[in-house]
N, C-alpha and C. Protein backbone atom coordinates (compact mmCIF):
# COMPACT_ATOMS: atom_id res chain seq x y z
N MET A 1 0.83 -1.26 -0.14
CA MET A 1 0.23 -0.04 -0.08
C MET A 1 0.90 1.39 0.03
N LYS A 2 0.29 2.36 -0.59
CA LYS A 2 0.89 3.61 -0.58
C LYS A 2 0.02 4.72 -0.28
N LEU A 3 0.46 5.66 0.89
CA LEU A 3 -0.30 6.51 1.21
C LEU A 3 0.27 8.00 0.76
N TYR A 4 -0.39 8.81 -0.14
CA TYR A 4 0.02 10.39 -0.32
C TYR A 4 -0.25 11.03 0.73
N SER A 5 0.70 11.63 1.39
CA SER A 5 0.40 12.44 2.62
C SER A 5 1.38 13.71 2.70
N LEU A 6 0.72 14.74 3.39
CA LEU A 6 1.83 15.86 3.93
C LEU A 6 1.85 16.03 5.30
N PRO A 7 3.11 16.09 5.87
CA PRO A 7 3.20 15.98 7.24
C PRO A 7 2.23 16.92 8.28
N LEU A 8 2.00 18.11 7.45
CA LEU A 8 1.39 19.14 8.42
C LEU A 8 -0.18 18.77 8.18
N SER A 9 -0.76 18.12 7.27
CA SER A 9 -2.12 17.93 6.99
C SER A 9 -2.85 17.39 7.97
N PRO A 10 -3.82 17.80 8.72
CA PRO A 10 -4.57 17.24 9.82
C PRO A 10 -5.08 15.80 9.28
N TYR A 11 -5.66 16.10 7.89
CA TYR A 11 -6.28 14.77 7.47
C TYR A 11 -5.44 13.78 7.29
N ALA A 12 -4.37 13.84 6.42
CA ALA A 12 -3.30 12.84 6.27
C ALA A 12 -3.04 12.41 7.65
N ALA A 13 -2.61 13.29 8.74
CA ALA A 13 -2.36 12.93 10.05
C ALA A 13 -3.00 11.82 10.71
N ARG A 14 -4.27 11.94 10.50
CA ARG A 14 -5.40 11.00 10.90
C ARG A 14 -4.99 9.57 10.37
N VAL A 15 -4.69 9.36 9.28
CA VAL A 15 -4.61 8.16 8.52
C VAL A 15 -3.17 7.81 8.96
N ARG A 16 -2.06 8.61 9.09
CA ARG A 16 -0.78 8.03 9.58
C ARG A 16 -1.04 7.51 10.90
N GLY A 17 -1.77 8.26 11.86
CA GLY A 17 -1.98 7.65 13.11
C GLY A 17 -2.48 6.45 13.16
N SER A 18 -3.35 6.15 12.38
CA SER A 18 -4.02 4.77 12.33
C SER A 18 -3.04 3.85 11.94
N ILE A 19 -2.24 4.22 10.57
CA ILE A 19 -1.24 3.27 10.20
C ILE A 19 -0.23 2.71 11.16
N TYR A 20 0.16 3.97 12.02
CA TYR A 20 1.18 3.50 13.10
C TYR A 20 0.78 2.65 14.18
N ALA A 21 -0.30 2.94 14.73
CA ALA A 21 -1.06 2.25 15.75
C ALA A 21 -1.25 0.74 15.38
N LYS A 22 -1.51 0.52 14.24
CA LYS A 22 -1.79 -0.82 13.68
C LYS A 22 -0.63 -1.63 13.01
N GLY A 23 0.55 -0.92 13.15
CA GLY A 23 1.83 -1.40 12.58
C GLY A 23 1.79 -1.91 11.17
N LEU A 24 0.97 -1.04 10.37
CA LEU A 24 1.00 -1.66 8.90
C LEU A 24 2.07 -1.07 7.99
N ALA A 25 2.39 -2.01 7.26
CA ALA A 25 3.53 -1.84 6.04
C ALA A 25 3.01 -0.92 5.00
N VAL A 26 3.08 0.35 5.33
CA VAL A 26 2.50 1.34 4.24
C VAL A 26 3.64 2.20 3.82
N GLU A 27 3.93 2.32 2.46
CA GLU A 27 4.90 3.52 2.11
C GLU A 27 4.04 4.86 2.08
N ILE A 28 4.82 5.77 2.80
CA ILE A 28 4.15 6.94 2.81
C ILE A 28 4.95 8.03 2.03
N VAL A 29 4.38 8.67 1.18
CA VAL A 29 5.02 9.50 0.20
C VAL A 29 4.33 10.84 -0.03
N ALA A 30 5.12 11.82 -0.29
CA ALA A 30 4.60 13.28 -0.75
C ALA A 30 3.94 13.15 -2.10
N PRO A 31 2.95 13.81 -2.21
CA PRO A 31 2.35 14.04 -3.58
C PRO A 31 3.33 14.92 -4.38
N PRO A 32 3.33 14.97 -5.68
CA PRO A 32 3.94 15.87 -6.73
C PRO A 32 3.93 17.36 -6.18
N ALA A 33 4.85 17.96 -6.50
CA ALA A 33 5.02 19.28 -6.10
C ALA A 33 3.69 20.29 -6.47
N ASP A 34 3.34 19.77 -7.80
CA ASP A 34 2.19 20.62 -8.36
C ASP A 34 0.75 19.67 -8.29
N TRP A 35 0.71 19.04 -7.05
CA TRP A 35 -0.28 18.01 -7.00
C TRP A 35 -1.69 18.56 -7.07
N ARG A 36 -2.21 19.87 -6.85
CA ARG A 36 -3.28 20.70 -6.99
C ARG A 36 -3.57 20.92 -8.57
N THR A 37 -2.70 20.84 -9.31
CA THR A 37 -2.88 21.04 -10.74
C THR A 37 -2.42 19.74 -11.58
N SER A 38 -1.71 19.10 -11.04
CA SER A 38 -1.07 17.76 -11.74
C SER A 38 -2.20 16.81 -12.27
N PRO A 39 -2.13 16.70 -13.77
CA PRO A 39 -3.16 15.89 -14.35
C PRO A 39 -2.65 14.48 -13.80
N GLU A 40 -1.49 14.07 -13.73
CA GLU A 40 -1.22 12.60 -13.00
C GLU A 40 -1.76 12.35 -11.74
N TYR A 41 -1.77 13.54 -10.93
CA TYR A 41 -2.34 13.23 -9.48
C TYR A 41 -3.67 13.17 -9.66
N ARG A 42 -4.35 14.02 -10.27
CA ARG A 42 -5.90 14.07 -10.53
C ARG A 42 -6.29 12.66 -11.33
N ALA A 43 -5.47 11.96 -11.95
CA ALA A 43 -5.85 10.54 -12.44
C ALA A 43 -5.95 9.78 -11.32
N ILE A 44 -5.00 9.97 -10.40
CA ILE A 44 -4.89 9.04 -9.27
C ILE A 44 -6.16 9.25 -8.42
N ASN A 45 -6.32 10.67 -8.11
CA ASN A 45 -7.36 10.95 -7.09
C ASN A 45 -8.13 12.16 -7.70
N PRO A 46 -9.17 11.91 -8.39
CA PRO A 46 -10.04 13.17 -9.23
C PRO A 46 -10.46 14.00 -8.09
N LEU A 47 -10.58 13.66 -6.86
CA LEU A 47 -10.99 14.73 -5.81
C LEU A 47 -9.96 15.80 -5.80
N VAL A 48 -8.66 15.41 -5.90
CA VAL A 48 -7.57 16.25 -5.87
C VAL A 48 -7.50 16.66 -4.46
N ARG A 49 -7.44 15.72 -3.37
CA ARG A 49 -7.05 16.02 -2.09
C ARG A 49 -6.20 15.18 -1.40
N ILE A 50 -5.65 15.64 -0.38
CA ILE A 50 -4.78 14.79 0.54
C ILE A 50 -5.36 14.49 1.73
N PRO A 51 -5.48 13.01 2.15
CA PRO A 51 -4.48 12.09 1.68
C PRO A 51 -5.15 11.36 0.76
N VAL A 52 -4.64 10.09 0.16
CA VAL A 52 -5.19 9.17 -0.71
C VAL A 52 -4.46 7.98 -0.61
N LEU A 53 -4.97 6.69 -0.54
CA LEU A 53 -4.32 5.46 -0.35
C LEU A 53 -4.53 4.78 -1.63
N LEU A 54 -3.51 4.12 -1.95
CA LEU A 54 -3.53 3.46 -3.07
C LEU A 54 -3.13 1.93 -2.59
N LEU A 55 -4.01 0.93 -2.90
CA LEU A 55 -3.88 -0.35 -2.57
C LEU A 55 -2.97 -1.16 -3.38
N ASP A 56 -2.47 -2.52 -3.29
CA ASP A 56 -1.55 -2.97 -4.10
C ASP A 56 -2.20 -3.49 -5.57
N ASP A 57 -3.28 -3.58 -5.46
CA ASP A 57 -4.24 -3.97 -6.71
C ASP A 57 -4.50 -2.80 -7.56
N GLY A 58 -4.15 -1.50 -6.98
CA GLY A 58 -4.44 -0.27 -7.83
C GLY A 58 -5.48 0.32 -7.21
N THR A 59 -6.50 -0.18 -6.34
CA THR A 59 -7.53 0.40 -5.79
C THR A 59 -7.15 1.83 -5.29
N VAL A 60 -8.05 2.61 -5.26
CA VAL A 60 -7.69 4.09 -4.67
C VAL A 60 -8.87 4.34 -3.75
N ILE A 61 -8.39 4.72 -2.71
CA ILE A 61 -9.42 5.17 -1.42
C ILE A 61 -8.96 6.45 -1.07
N ALA A 62 -9.90 7.35 -1.23
CA ALA A 62 -9.71 8.79 -0.77
C ALA A 62 -10.63 9.00 0.55
N GLU A 63 -10.28 10.28 1.12
CA GLU A 63 -10.98 10.99 2.10
C GLU A 63 -10.51 10.21 3.37
N SER A 64 -10.03 10.96 4.19
CA SER A 64 -9.35 10.52 5.48
C SER A 64 -10.16 9.46 6.31
N SER A 65 -11.44 9.68 6.72
CA SER A 65 -12.47 9.16 7.42
C SER A 65 -12.69 7.87 6.55
N VAL A 66 -12.75 7.74 5.54
CA VAL A 66 -12.99 6.54 4.84
C VAL A 66 -11.73 5.63 4.81
N ILE A 67 -10.53 6.22 4.71
CA ILE A 67 -9.33 5.73 4.67
C ILE A 67 -9.19 4.79 6.10
N VAL A 68 -9.48 5.68 7.13
CA VAL A 68 -9.32 5.19 8.64
C VAL A 68 -10.27 3.97 8.79
N GLU A 69 -11.62 4.21 8.19
CA GLU A 69 -12.49 3.03 8.42
C GLU A 69 -11.98 1.68 7.55
N TYR A 70 -11.52 1.96 6.34
CA TYR A 70 -11.14 0.84 5.43
C TYR A 70 -10.20 0.08 6.32
N LEU A 71 -8.96 0.69 6.91
CA LEU A 71 -7.85 0.14 7.58
C LEU A 71 -8.45 -0.62 8.70
N GLU A 72 -9.33 -0.19 9.43
CA GLU A 72 -10.05 -0.89 10.49
C GLU A 72 -10.83 -2.18 9.99
N ASP A 73 -11.51 -2.00 8.98
CA ASP A 73 -11.91 -3.20 8.34
C ASP A 73 -11.02 -4.40 7.86
N ALA A 74 -10.13 -3.83 7.13
CA ALA A 74 -9.27 -4.76 6.25
C ALA A 74 -8.09 -5.32 7.18
N HIS A 75 -7.87 -4.51 8.36
CA HIS A 75 -6.81 -5.03 9.12
C HIS A 75 -7.22 -4.89 10.67
N PRO A 76 -8.08 -5.87 11.03
CA PRO A 76 -8.64 -5.64 12.39
C PRO A 76 -7.92 -6.22 13.56
N ARG A 77 -6.78 -6.87 13.19
CA ARG A 77 -6.01 -7.64 14.34
C ARG A 77 -5.57 -6.62 15.27
N VAL A 78 -5.01 -5.50 15.19
CA VAL A 78 -4.94 -4.51 16.07
C VAL A 78 -6.01 -3.61 16.03
N SER A 79 -7.20 -3.41 16.74
CA SER A 79 -8.06 -2.82 16.53
C SER A 79 -8.15 -1.32 17.21
N LEU A 80 -8.80 -0.45 16.52
CA LEU A 80 -8.95 0.92 17.43
C LEU A 80 -10.44 1.17 17.50
N ARG A 81 -11.04 0.10 17.75
CA ARG A 81 -12.57 0.15 17.93
C ARG A 81 -12.80 -0.54 19.33
N PRO A 82 -13.51 0.18 20.08
CA PRO A 82 -14.13 -0.49 21.49
C PRO A 82 -14.97 -1.84 21.20
N ASP A 83 -14.94 -2.59 22.30
CA ASP A 83 -15.73 -4.25 21.84
C ASP A 83 -17.08 -3.74 21.90
N THR A 84 -17.64 -2.79 22.53
CA THR A 84 -18.84 -2.76 22.63
C THR A 84 -19.83 -1.58 21.58
N ALA A 85 -20.85 -1.87 21.23
CA ALA A 85 -21.64 -0.96 20.43
C ALA A 85 -21.58 0.42 20.93
N GLU A 86 -21.82 0.33 22.56
CA GLU A 86 -22.02 1.73 23.23
C GLU A 86 -20.57 2.39 23.12
N GLY A 87 -19.60 1.70 23.25
CA GLY A 87 -18.14 2.27 23.36
C GLY A 87 -17.83 2.85 21.95
N LEU A 88 -18.33 2.15 20.91
CA LEU A 88 -18.00 2.62 19.72
C LEU A 88 -18.84 3.86 19.32
N ALA A 89 -20.06 3.59 19.60
CA ALA A 89 -20.91 5.09 19.74
C ALA A 89 -20.13 6.17 20.23
N ARG A 90 -19.78 6.19 21.33
CA ARG A 90 -18.88 7.22 22.02
C ARG A 90 -17.55 7.64 21.36
N VAL A 91 -17.01 6.52 20.79
CA VAL A 91 -15.64 7.11 20.08
C VAL A 91 -16.05 7.86 18.78
N ARG A 92 -17.24 7.44 18.03
CA ARG A 92 -17.74 8.20 16.86
C ARG A 92 -18.12 9.66 17.15
N LEU A 93 -18.82 9.64 18.36
CA LEU A 93 -19.42 10.89 18.53
C LEU A 93 -18.12 11.98 18.92
N ILE A 94 -17.35 11.52 19.73
CA ILE A 94 -15.95 12.19 19.99
C ILE A 94 -15.18 12.58 18.81
N THR A 95 -15.22 11.71 17.85
CA THR A 95 -14.62 12.07 16.47
C THR A 95 -15.36 12.97 15.87
N GLN A 96 -16.57 12.97 15.88
CA GLN A 96 -17.41 13.76 15.19
C GLN A 96 -17.45 15.21 15.66
N VAL A 97 -17.49 15.43 17.08
CA VAL A 97 -17.43 16.71 17.83
C VAL A 97 -16.06 17.27 17.48
N ALA A 98 -14.99 16.61 17.42
CA ALA A 98 -13.66 17.24 17.25
C ALA A 98 -13.46 17.53 15.73
N ASP A 99 -13.97 16.74 15.04
CA ASP A 99 -14.03 17.41 13.63
C ASP A 99 -14.96 18.40 13.15
N LEU A 100 -16.21 18.47 13.34
CA LEU A 100 -17.26 19.36 13.12
C LEU A 100 -17.38 20.71 13.98
N TYR A 101 -17.14 20.35 15.32
CA TYR A 101 -17.26 21.49 16.26
C TYR A 101 -16.02 21.99 16.55
N VAL A 102 -14.90 21.70 16.36
CA VAL A 102 -13.68 22.17 16.73
C VAL A 102 -12.85 22.38 15.49
N MET A 103 -12.46 21.47 14.73
CA MET A 103 -11.70 21.62 13.74
C MET A 103 -12.12 22.55 12.67
N GLN A 104 -13.50 22.38 12.22
CA GLN A 104 -14.09 23.21 11.17
C GLN A 104 -14.08 24.71 11.70
N PRO A 105 -14.42 25.01 12.89
CA PRO A 105 -14.37 26.54 13.17
C PRO A 105 -12.98 26.91 13.55
N MET A 106 -12.15 26.00 13.81
CA MET A 106 -10.67 26.65 14.06
C MET A 106 -10.06 26.92 12.83
N MET A 107 -10.09 26.05 11.77
CA MET A 107 -9.15 26.31 10.45
C MET A 107 -9.49 27.78 9.85
N PRO A 108 -10.78 28.47 9.55
CA PRO A 108 -10.73 29.66 8.94
C PRO A 108 -9.95 30.55 9.80
N LEU A 109 -9.91 30.51 11.16
CA LEU A 109 -9.22 31.61 11.85
C LEU A 109 -7.88 31.70 11.60
N PHE A 110 -7.02 30.78 11.06
CA PHE A 110 -5.66 30.89 10.59
C PHE A 110 -5.71 31.99 9.52
N TYR A 111 -6.70 31.80 8.50
CA TYR A 111 -6.76 32.87 7.52
C TYR A 111 -7.21 34.42 7.95
N MET A 112 -8.14 34.24 8.85
CA MET A 112 -8.77 35.54 9.34
C MET A 112 -7.68 36.32 10.13
N PHE A 113 -6.74 35.45 10.92
CA PHE A 113 -5.75 36.38 11.61
C PHE A 113 -4.49 36.72 10.73
N ASP A 114 -4.43 36.00 9.57
CA ASP A 114 -3.22 36.21 8.74
C ASP A 114 -3.56 37.58 7.63
N GLY A 115 -4.78 37.75 7.44
CA GLY A 115 -5.04 39.04 6.61
C GLY A 115 -4.56 40.34 7.12
N LYS A 116 -4.28 41.14 6.24
CA LYS A 116 -3.60 42.68 6.62
C LYS A 116 -4.80 43.43 7.25
N GLN A 117 -5.99 43.08 6.63
CA GLN A 117 -7.16 43.93 7.32
C GLN A 117 -8.05 42.98 8.13
N LYS A 118 -8.00 42.84 9.31
CA LYS A 118 -8.61 41.87 10.37
C LYS A 118 -9.87 42.54 10.54
N ASP A 119 -10.82 41.50 10.56
CA ASP A 119 -12.38 41.74 10.85
C ASP A 119 -12.54 41.33 12.25
N GLU A 120 -12.54 42.24 13.22
CA GLU A 120 -12.41 41.82 14.47
C GLU A 120 -13.79 41.19 14.93
N ALA A 121 -14.97 41.81 14.35
CA ALA A 121 -16.20 41.30 14.82
C ALA A 121 -16.32 39.84 14.09
N ALA A 122 -15.82 39.68 12.99
CA ALA A 122 -16.04 38.25 12.50
C ALA A 122 -15.22 37.28 13.16
N ILE A 123 -13.75 37.71 13.45
CA ILE A 123 -13.19 36.88 14.28
C ILE A 123 -13.56 36.45 15.65
N ALA A 124 -14.15 37.54 16.33
CA ALA A 124 -14.77 37.21 17.56
C ALA A 124 -15.85 36.09 17.48
N THR A 125 -16.75 36.27 16.40
CA THR A 125 -17.86 35.38 16.37
C THR A 125 -17.26 33.97 16.05
N GLN A 126 -16.07 33.85 15.20
CA GLN A 126 -15.59 32.67 14.99
C GLN A 126 -15.04 31.97 16.29
N ILE A 127 -14.22 32.75 16.96
CA ILE A 127 -13.75 32.31 18.33
C ILE A 127 -14.89 31.74 19.19
N GLY A 128 -15.87 32.42 19.11
CA GLY A 128 -16.96 31.97 19.83
C GLY A 128 -17.60 30.56 19.50
N LYS A 129 -17.64 30.32 18.11
CA LYS A 129 -17.94 29.28 17.50
C LYS A 129 -16.97 28.18 18.06
N LEU A 130 -15.59 28.33 18.06
CA LEU A 130 -14.57 27.45 18.46
C LEU A 130 -14.79 27.00 19.98
N LYS A 131 -14.79 28.15 20.56
CA LYS A 131 -15.18 27.90 22.21
C LYS A 131 -16.17 27.01 22.45
N GLU A 132 -17.41 27.24 21.70
CA GLU A 132 -18.68 26.39 21.94
C GLU A 132 -18.25 25.04 21.60
N GLY A 133 -17.50 24.60 20.40
CA GLY A 133 -16.89 23.38 20.20
C GLY A 133 -16.02 22.71 21.38
N LEU A 134 -15.39 23.69 21.87
CA LEU A 134 -14.25 22.85 22.87
C LEU A 134 -15.04 22.76 24.12
N ASN A 135 -16.19 23.45 24.39
CA ASN A 135 -16.99 23.10 25.70
C ASN A 135 -17.46 21.92 25.51
N HIS A 136 -18.04 21.42 24.38
CA HIS A 136 -18.49 20.10 24.03
C HIS A 136 -17.53 18.96 24.26
N LEU A 137 -16.33 19.49 23.61
CA LEU A 137 -15.26 18.28 23.55
C LEU A 137 -14.91 17.89 24.98
N GLU A 138 -14.41 19.12 25.75
CA GLU A 138 -14.16 19.08 27.13
C GLU A 138 -14.95 18.16 27.92
N ALA A 139 -16.35 18.26 27.82
CA ALA A 139 -17.32 17.43 28.52
C ALA A 139 -17.10 15.91 28.25
N MET A 140 -16.51 15.57 27.13
CA MET A 140 -16.25 14.25 26.65
C MET A 140 -15.13 13.65 27.13
N LEU A 141 -14.02 14.24 27.53
CA LEU A 141 -12.71 13.65 27.80
C LEU A 141 -12.20 13.89 29.11
N LEU A 142 -11.68 12.88 29.59
CA LEU A 142 -11.02 12.76 31.02
C LEU A 142 -9.35 13.26 31.05
N LYS A 143 -9.29 14.17 31.92
CA LYS A 143 -7.65 14.63 31.83
C LYS A 143 -6.90 13.60 31.97
N GLY A 144 -5.65 13.53 30.99
CA GLY A 144 -4.62 12.59 31.08
C GLY A 144 -5.04 11.08 30.56
N GLU A 145 -6.29 10.94 30.04
CA GLU A 145 -6.68 9.86 29.39
C GLU A 145 -6.83 9.78 27.87
N TYR A 146 -6.75 8.60 27.28
CA TYR A 146 -7.13 8.55 25.77
C TYR A 146 -8.60 9.01 25.73
N ALA A 147 -9.07 9.29 24.40
CA ALA A 147 -10.33 9.71 24.43
C ALA A 147 -11.62 8.80 24.82
N PHE A 148 -11.08 7.39 24.66
CA PHE A 148 -11.85 6.48 25.25
C PHE A 148 -10.75 5.65 26.37
N PRO A 149 -11.12 6.23 27.63
CA PRO A 149 -10.37 5.73 28.62
C PRO A 149 -10.02 4.38 28.66
N GLY A 150 -8.33 4.25 28.77
CA GLY A 150 -7.85 2.85 28.80
C GLY A 150 -7.59 2.11 27.46
N GLN A 151 -7.92 2.68 26.40
CA GLN A 151 -7.72 2.17 24.94
C GLN A 151 -7.70 3.36 23.81
N LEU A 152 -6.43 3.07 23.10
CA LEU A 152 -6.42 3.81 22.00
C LEU A 152 -7.22 3.58 20.84
N THR A 153 -7.93 4.56 20.58
CA THR A 153 -9.16 4.19 19.40
C THR A 153 -9.08 5.22 18.30
N SER A 154 -9.81 5.25 17.22
CA SER A 154 -9.83 6.16 16.24
C SER A 154 -10.09 7.58 16.69
N ALA A 155 -10.55 7.61 17.72
CA ALA A 155 -10.93 8.99 18.31
C ALA A 155 -9.59 9.66 18.34
N ASP A 156 -8.67 8.93 18.86
CA ASP A 156 -7.28 9.61 19.23
C ASP A 156 -6.68 10.00 18.03
N VAL A 157 -6.65 9.12 16.89
CA VAL A 157 -6.16 9.59 15.76
C VAL A 157 -6.78 10.87 14.94
N TRP A 158 -8.04 10.98 15.36
CA TRP A 158 -8.66 12.37 15.15
C TRP A 158 -8.24 13.58 16.05
N LEU A 159 -8.34 13.29 17.34
CA LEU A 159 -7.93 14.37 18.36
C LEU A 159 -6.53 14.75 18.27
N THR A 160 -5.52 13.96 17.77
CA THR A 160 -4.18 14.26 17.90
C THR A 160 -3.92 15.67 17.00
N PRO A 161 -4.16 15.34 15.62
CA PRO A 161 -4.06 16.65 15.00
C PRO A 161 -4.89 17.90 15.29
N VAL A 162 -6.10 17.65 15.93
CA VAL A 162 -6.73 18.70 16.42
C VAL A 162 -6.02 19.62 17.36
N ARG A 163 -5.60 18.71 18.38
CA ARG A 163 -4.87 19.25 19.40
C ARG A 163 -3.72 20.03 18.94
N PHE A 164 -2.90 19.55 18.18
CA PHE A 164 -1.87 20.07 17.66
C PHE A 164 -2.11 21.37 16.96
N SER A 165 -3.15 21.24 16.15
CA SER A 165 -3.56 22.59 15.42
C SER A 165 -3.98 23.71 16.50
N LEU A 166 -4.69 23.11 17.68
CA LEU A 166 -4.63 24.26 18.57
C LEU A 166 -3.63 24.95 19.02
N ASP A 167 -2.76 24.29 19.36
CA ASP A 167 -1.21 24.72 19.84
C ASP A 167 -0.91 25.87 18.74
N GLY A 168 -1.00 25.41 17.32
CA GLY A 168 -0.62 26.30 16.17
C GLY A 168 -1.36 27.79 16.27
N LEU A 169 -2.73 27.42 16.54
CA LEU A 169 -3.50 28.73 16.57
C LEU A 169 -3.12 29.45 17.52
N MET A 170 -2.95 29.14 18.77
CA MET A 170 -2.71 29.58 20.03
C MET A 170 -1.27 30.60 19.70
N SER A 171 -0.57 30.04 19.05
CA SER A 171 0.70 30.54 18.76
C SER A 171 0.69 31.87 17.72
N PHE A 172 0.11 31.48 16.72
CA PHE A 172 -0.11 31.96 15.31
C PHE A 172 -0.72 33.31 15.66
N ALA A 173 -2.02 33.18 16.46
CA ALA A 173 -2.91 34.22 16.53
C ALA A 173 -2.86 34.86 17.97
N LYS A 174 -1.71 34.61 18.71
CA LYS A 174 -1.58 35.11 19.95
C LYS A 174 -2.50 35.00 21.03
N LEU A 175 -2.94 33.73 21.22
CA LEU A 175 -4.06 33.54 21.89
C LEU A 175 -3.85 32.38 23.24
N PRO A 176 -2.84 32.79 23.93
CA PRO A 176 -2.20 31.78 24.70
C PRO A 176 -3.14 31.38 25.66
N ARG A 177 -4.25 32.02 26.12
CA ARG A 177 -5.12 31.53 27.03
C ARG A 177 -6.45 30.82 26.51
N LEU A 178 -6.40 30.58 25.26
CA LEU A 178 -7.53 29.77 24.48
C LEU A 178 -8.14 28.43 25.35
N LEU A 179 -7.14 27.75 25.87
CA LEU A 179 -7.66 26.61 26.43
C LEU A 179 -7.56 26.60 28.04
N ASP A 180 -7.54 27.78 28.58
CA ASP A 180 -7.58 28.08 30.09
C ASP A 180 -8.79 27.34 30.84
N ASP A 181 -10.00 27.31 29.97
CA ASP A 181 -11.26 26.88 30.65
C ASP A 181 -11.43 25.32 30.14
N HIS A 182 -10.43 24.70 29.39
CA HIS A 182 -10.69 23.41 28.93
C HIS A 182 -9.43 22.56 29.06
N GLN A 183 -9.22 22.32 30.41
CA GLN A 183 -8.06 21.64 31.11
C GLN A 183 -7.96 20.12 30.41
N ALA A 184 -8.90 19.38 30.18
CA ALA A 184 -8.88 18.05 29.56
C ALA A 184 -8.65 18.17 28.15
N VAL A 185 -9.13 19.19 27.33
CA VAL A 185 -8.38 19.28 26.00
C VAL A 185 -6.97 19.80 26.12
N ALA A 186 -6.66 20.73 26.87
CA ALA A 186 -5.17 21.06 26.95
C ALA A 186 -4.34 20.03 27.39
N ALA A 187 -4.65 19.34 28.42
CA ALA A 187 -3.98 18.07 28.73
C ALA A 187 -3.86 16.95 27.79
N TYR A 188 -4.61 16.97 26.81
CA TYR A 188 -4.67 15.86 25.91
C TYR A 188 -3.16 16.00 24.90
N ALA A 189 -2.65 16.92 25.00
CA ALA A 189 -1.32 17.16 24.28
C ALA A 189 -0.22 16.17 24.79
N GLU A 190 -0.34 16.00 25.96
CA GLU A 190 0.82 15.14 26.78
C GLU A 190 0.30 13.55 26.47
N THR A 191 -0.93 13.39 26.57
CA THR A 191 -1.49 12.14 26.36
C THR A 191 -1.02 11.63 24.93
N ALA A 192 -1.27 12.34 24.14
CA ALA A 192 -0.75 12.18 22.64
C ALA A 192 0.71 12.02 22.52
N LYS A 193 1.59 12.95 23.13
CA LYS A 193 2.98 12.80 22.96
C LYS A 193 3.50 11.54 23.68
N LYS A 194 2.94 11.11 24.67
CA LYS A 194 3.59 9.74 25.21
C LYS A 194 3.13 8.68 24.55
N ASP A 195 2.04 8.62 23.69
CA ASP A 195 1.94 7.39 22.90
C ASP A 195 2.70 7.32 21.76
N ALA A 196 3.33 6.06 21.50
CA ALA A 196 4.39 5.89 20.29
C ALA A 196 3.60 6.25 19.07
N ALA A 197 2.44 5.91 18.82
CA ALA A 197 1.94 6.09 17.35
C ALA A 197 1.50 7.72 17.23
N LEU A 198 0.82 8.15 18.39
CA LEU A 198 0.43 9.50 18.17
C LEU A 198 1.48 10.55 18.38
N GLY A 199 2.50 10.26 19.37
CA GLY A 199 3.75 11.06 19.36
C GLY A 199 4.38 11.15 18.00
N ARG A 200 4.46 10.05 17.30
CA ARG A 200 5.22 10.09 15.99
C ARG A 200 4.52 10.99 15.15
N VAL A 201 3.05 10.98 15.20
CA VAL A 201 2.40 11.87 14.15
C VAL A 201 2.66 13.59 14.74
N TRP A 202 2.57 13.57 15.96
CA TRP A 202 2.78 14.93 16.68
C TRP A 202 4.22 15.37 16.09
N ASP A 203 5.20 14.56 16.25
CA ASP A 203 6.66 15.07 15.79
C ASP A 203 6.65 15.42 14.22
N GLU A 204 6.01 14.47 13.45
CA GLU A 204 5.99 14.72 12.10
C GLU A 204 5.20 16.21 11.78
N MET A 205 4.14 16.42 12.35
CA MET A 205 3.38 17.66 12.22
C MET A 205 4.23 18.83 12.74
N THR A 206 5.09 18.66 13.72
CA THR A 206 6.03 19.61 14.33
C THR A 206 7.18 20.00 13.01
N GLU A 207 7.68 18.97 12.76
CA GLU A 207 8.63 19.29 11.45
C GLU A 207 8.01 19.80 10.33
N GLY A 208 6.94 19.31 10.04
CA GLY A 208 6.03 20.04 8.83
C GLY A 208 5.66 21.71 8.99
N LEU A 209 5.36 21.94 10.45
CA LEU A 209 5.17 23.15 10.50
C LEU A 209 6.30 24.23 10.50
N ALA A 210 7.33 23.52 11.01
CA ALA A 210 8.70 24.30 10.89
C ALA A 210 9.27 24.46 9.29
N GLU A 211 8.94 23.47 8.52
CA GLU A 211 9.35 23.75 7.25
C GLU A 211 8.33 24.72 6.62
N MET A 212 7.11 24.76 6.85
CA MET A 212 6.20 25.77 6.35
C MET A 212 6.37 27.27 6.79
N MET A 213 6.94 27.33 8.26
CA MET A 213 7.36 28.58 8.51
C MET A 213 8.57 29.02 8.04
N ALA A 214 9.44 28.26 7.64
CA ALA A 214 10.65 28.52 7.03
C ALA A 214 10.60 28.92 5.58
N ALA A 215 9.67 28.33 5.02
CA ALA A 215 9.41 28.73 3.70
C ALA A 215 8.60 30.11 3.54
N ARG A 216 7.66 30.32 4.37
CA ARG A 216 7.01 31.33 4.48
C ARG A 216 8.01 32.59 4.84
N ALA A 217 9.00 32.55 5.76
CA ALA A 217 9.89 33.43 5.77
C ALA A 217 10.45 33.92 4.76
N ILE A 218 11.11 33.00 3.87
CA ILE A 218 11.80 33.13 2.71
C ILE A 218 10.82 34.03 1.73
N ARG A 219 9.55 33.46 1.62
CA ARG A 219 8.85 34.32 0.68
C ARG A 219 8.45 35.69 1.04
N ALA A 220 8.41 36.13 2.41
CA ALA A 220 8.27 37.25 2.94
C ALA A 220 9.62 38.43 2.98
N ALA A 221 10.77 37.59 2.61
CA ALA A 221 12.03 38.26 2.75
C ALA A 221 12.13 39.30 1.51
């Protein structure tokens, strides 16, 4: 199998976390430099998104959530799913909240803070949406635990890039107190870093961020 991935992509990070946790032999490669306009890459993935998984028989699987579910179905020996239907429902709920109510309102803030003309009212509204999502996520987590206590699950491969991106936002937007009222969410960073698979993803995203900031500095010079 081959995964097209970018180190800083939170969507590709989900898949890498699943691959590492399950100990799968997957070749992880960067897409072509011009992947957004490349006819060759479009032929592989007409959605023109990262990540995409290529199976040994040529089958293409796109979209991070679909890839993670495929890996669970195809390689269940190391499971990232709880044993009970109730447990699995909880994992799926945490995944949905992290994705829809935290990641989605967070990502536009990077662009909103990066503009020369900042719309303070729009920023405040967007931060309000993010904090509402953080409140929901906070209520679902136990400080110092995996998303599903005692077991690494697919919710953790979702939460790790979300939590990494929150650190990035706090630094980039100069919002150091963003997580002051969300101690379980804040503490999840250490939970992720201590796990071998999640910590590997965290380190890769850290390296990807450093490379992006270096390239940004060169363009600005």
